[in-house]
Amino acid sequence: MKVILRQNYETLGQIGDLVEVKEGFARNFLIPRKIAYVALKGNIKALEEEKKIFLKKKQHEIQTAENLAAELEKVSVSIPVQVGEEDKIFGSVTTQMIADSLKEKGFDIDKRKIEIEEPIKSLGIYGISIKVHSSVNAKIKVWVVRE
């Protein structure tokens, strides 16, 4: 049975692809979950409209993410930590600490979106990357200072 995908589906393809699948898979899984349409002329036109809406929505998300990234680039956070001899930190600076510092500045960023290249175990200034969107990253400065 030929179906047209309404959503990106990992094993089948991208939005708008015309794919051949088994009839049971299409009728029992893809169509009820609104992942695909049966390949008819009317459905192709409906899919084109959905594609336009999807592209507009995606463009809006990317624009919003770029605006947030621009705001984040201006921000630097300082994280006070306890240090021992030779300015060694007890433990390391975590993504949760950075997320909490950003929250104090008014940015609600999930700790899983913060990417630390290598563990921060000493005082200093570090450039940290934040994945705002799948295609947009922001760099912030993190100051690790003595408590």
Protein backbone atom coordinates (compact mmCIF):
# COMPACT_ATOMS: atom_id res chain seq x y z
CA MET A 1 0.00 0.00 0.00
CA LYS A 2 1.31 3.46 -0.87
CA VAL A 3 1.15 6.15 1.79
CA ILE A 4 2.35 9.74 2.08
CA LEU A 5 4.16 10.62 5.30
CA ARG A 6 2.74 13.50 7.35
CA GLN A 7 5.62 13.42 9.86
CA ASN A 8 9.26 12.49 9.80
CA TYR A 9 9.46 8.79 10.64
CA GLU A 10 12.91 7.39 11.32
CA THR A 11 12.64 4.08 9.44
CA LEU A 12 10.46 5.29 6.55
CA GLY A 13 11.44 8.80 5.53
CA GLN A 14 10.70 12.52 5.71
CA ILE A 15 7.51 14.58 5.48
CA GLY A 16 5.92 14.32 2.04
CA ASP A 17 7.69 11.11 0.98
CA LEU A 18 5.63 8.57 -0.93
CA VAL A 19 6.49 5.15 0.54
CA GLU A 20 5.31 1.60 0.02
CA VAL A 21 4.39 -0.24 3.24
CA LYS A 22 2.43 -3.33 4.15
CA GLU A 23 -1.30 -2.76 4.33
CA GLY A 24 -1.63 -3.85 7.96
CA PHE A 25 1.15 -1.53 9.09
CA ALA A 26 -0.50 1.38 7.30
CA ARG A 27 -4.07 0.70 8.48
CA ASN A 28 -3.26 -0.30 12.05
CA PHE A 29 -0.34 1.96 12.90
CA LEU A 30 0.52 4.81 10.52
CA ILE A 31 -2.95 6.10 9.62
CA PRO A 32 -4.56 5.97 13.12
CA ARG A 33 -1.55 7.78 14.63
CA LYS A 34 -1.74 10.40 11.84
CA ILE A 35 1.81 9.62 10.71
CA ALA A 36 0.68 8.98 7.12
CA TYR A 37 -2.18 9.40 4.62
CA VAL A 38 -3.31 6.93 2.01
CA ALA A 39 -1.79 8.11 -1.28
CA LEU A 40 -4.79 9.79 -2.97
CA LYS A 41 -4.89 13.02 -5.01
CA GLY A 42 -6.92 14.90 -2.38
CA ASN A 43 -4.55 13.82 0.37
CA ILE A 44 -1.55 15.05 -1.60
CA LYS A 45 -3.10 18.54 -1.72
CA ALA A 46 -3.88 18.42 2.01
CA LEU A 47 -0.30 17.39 2.72
CA GLU A 48 1.04 20.35 0.74
CA GLU A 49 -0.96 22.69 3.01
CA GLU A 50 0.35 20.90 6.11
CA LYS A 51 3.88 21.19 4.76
CA LYS A 52 3.50 24.97 4.36
CA ILE A 53 2.20 25.30 7.92
CA PHE A 54 5.01 23.08 9.23
CA LEU A 55 7.67 25.17 7.44
CA LYS A 56 6.22 28.43 8.80
CA LYS A 57 6.16 26.97 12.31
CA LYS A 58 9.74 25.73 11.98
CA GLN A 59 10.92 29.14 10.70
CA HIS A 60 9.22 30.82 13.68
CA GLU A 61 10.91 28.40 16.12
CA ILE A 62 14.32 29.05 14.55
CA GLN A 63 13.78 32.83 14.64
CA THR A 64 12.76 32.66 18.31
CA ALA A 65 15.80 30.48 19.08
CA GLU A 66 18.13 32.91 17.29
CA ASN A 67 16.70 35.82 19.30
CA LEU A 68 17.20 33.89 22.55
CA ALA A 69 20.75 32.97 21.49
CA ALA A 70 21.53 36.63 20.81
CA GLU A 71 20.31 37.55 24.30
CA LEU A 72 22.28 34.71 25.89
CA GLU A 73 25.51 35.77 24.13
CA LYS A 74 25.39 39.04 26.11
CA VAL A 75 25.11 37.22 29.45
CA SER A 76 27.91 36.03 31.67
CA VAL A 77 27.32 34.20 34.93
CA SER A 78 29.56 33.80 37.94
CA ILE A 79 29.49 30.68 40.04
CA PRO A 80 30.99 30.88 43.54
CA VAL A 81 32.62 27.62 44.66
CA GLN A 82 34.62 26.41 47.63
CA VAL A 83 38.28 25.93 46.90
CA GLY A 84 41.10 24.17 48.66
CA GLU A 85 44.84 24.48 48.30
CA GLU A 86 46.20 25.78 44.99
CA ASP A 87 42.70 26.98 44.01
CA LYS A 88 41.38 23.47 43.36
CA ILE A 89 37.61 23.14 43.44
CA PHE A 90 35.94 20.56 45.66
CA GLY A 91 34.10 18.54 42.99
CA SER A 92 33.35 20.32 39.71
CA VAL A 93 30.98 22.87 38.25
CA THR A 94 27.87 21.11 36.91
CA THR A 95 25.34 22.00 34.26
CA GLN A 96 22.74 22.30 37.02
CA MET A 97 24.79 25.05 38.70
CA ILE A 98 25.00 26.93 35.40
CA ALA A 99 21.26 26.48 34.76
CA ASP A 100 20.47 27.83 38.25
CA SER A 101 22.70 30.87 37.66
CA LEU A 102 20.96 31.52 34.33
CA LYS A 103 17.57 31.19 36.02
CA GLU A 104 18.58 33.95 38.45
CA LYS A 105 19.30 36.16 35.42
CA GLY A 106 15.85 35.39 33.94
CA PHE A 107 16.68 32.62 31.46
CA ASP A 108 14.93 29.30 31.94
CA ILE A 109 17.35 26.88 30.27
CA ASP A 110 17.20 23.10 30.74
CA LYS A 111 20.43 21.68 32.17
CA ARG A 112 20.52 19.02 29.43
CA LYS A 113 20.94 21.73 26.79
CA ILE A 114 24.12 23.05 28.41
CA GLU A 115 27.24 21.46 26.95
CA ILE A 116 30.47 21.44 28.96
CA GLU A 117 33.38 20.15 26.86
CA GLU A 118 35.55 19.05 29.78
CA PRO A 119 34.90 19.11 33.54
CA ILE A 120 35.44 22.48 35.21
CA LYS A 121 37.69 21.81 38.20
CA SER A 122 39.56 25.10 38.69
CA LEU A 123 38.87 28.82 38.95
CA GLY A 124 38.73 30.86 35.77
CA ILE A 125 36.63 31.97 32.82
CA TYR A 126 35.07 29.31 30.60
CA GLY A 127 33.15 29.46 27.33
CA ILE A 128 30.10 27.21 27.56
CA SER A 129 27.85 26.24 24.66
CA ILE A 130 24.06 26.08 25.02
CA LYS A 131 21.99 24.22 22.44
CA VAL A 132 18.98 26.53 22.10
CA HIS A 133 17.54 24.71 19.06
CA SER A 134 18.69 21.78 16.94
CA SER A 135 20.39 24.23 14.57
CA VAL A 136 21.12 27.17 16.92
CA ASN A 137 23.84 27.29 19.59
CA ALA A 138 24.73 30.12 21.97
CA LYS A 139 28.02 30.74 23.79
CA ILE A 140 28.08 32.21 27.28
CA LYS A 141 30.92 33.06 29.63
CA VAL A 142 31.01 31.35 32.99
CA TRP A 143 33.18 32.88 35.69
CA VAL A 144 34.15 30.35 38.35
CA VAL A 145 35.13 32.39 41.42
CA ARG A 146 36.13 31.75 45.01
CA GLU A 147 33.23 31.70 47.47
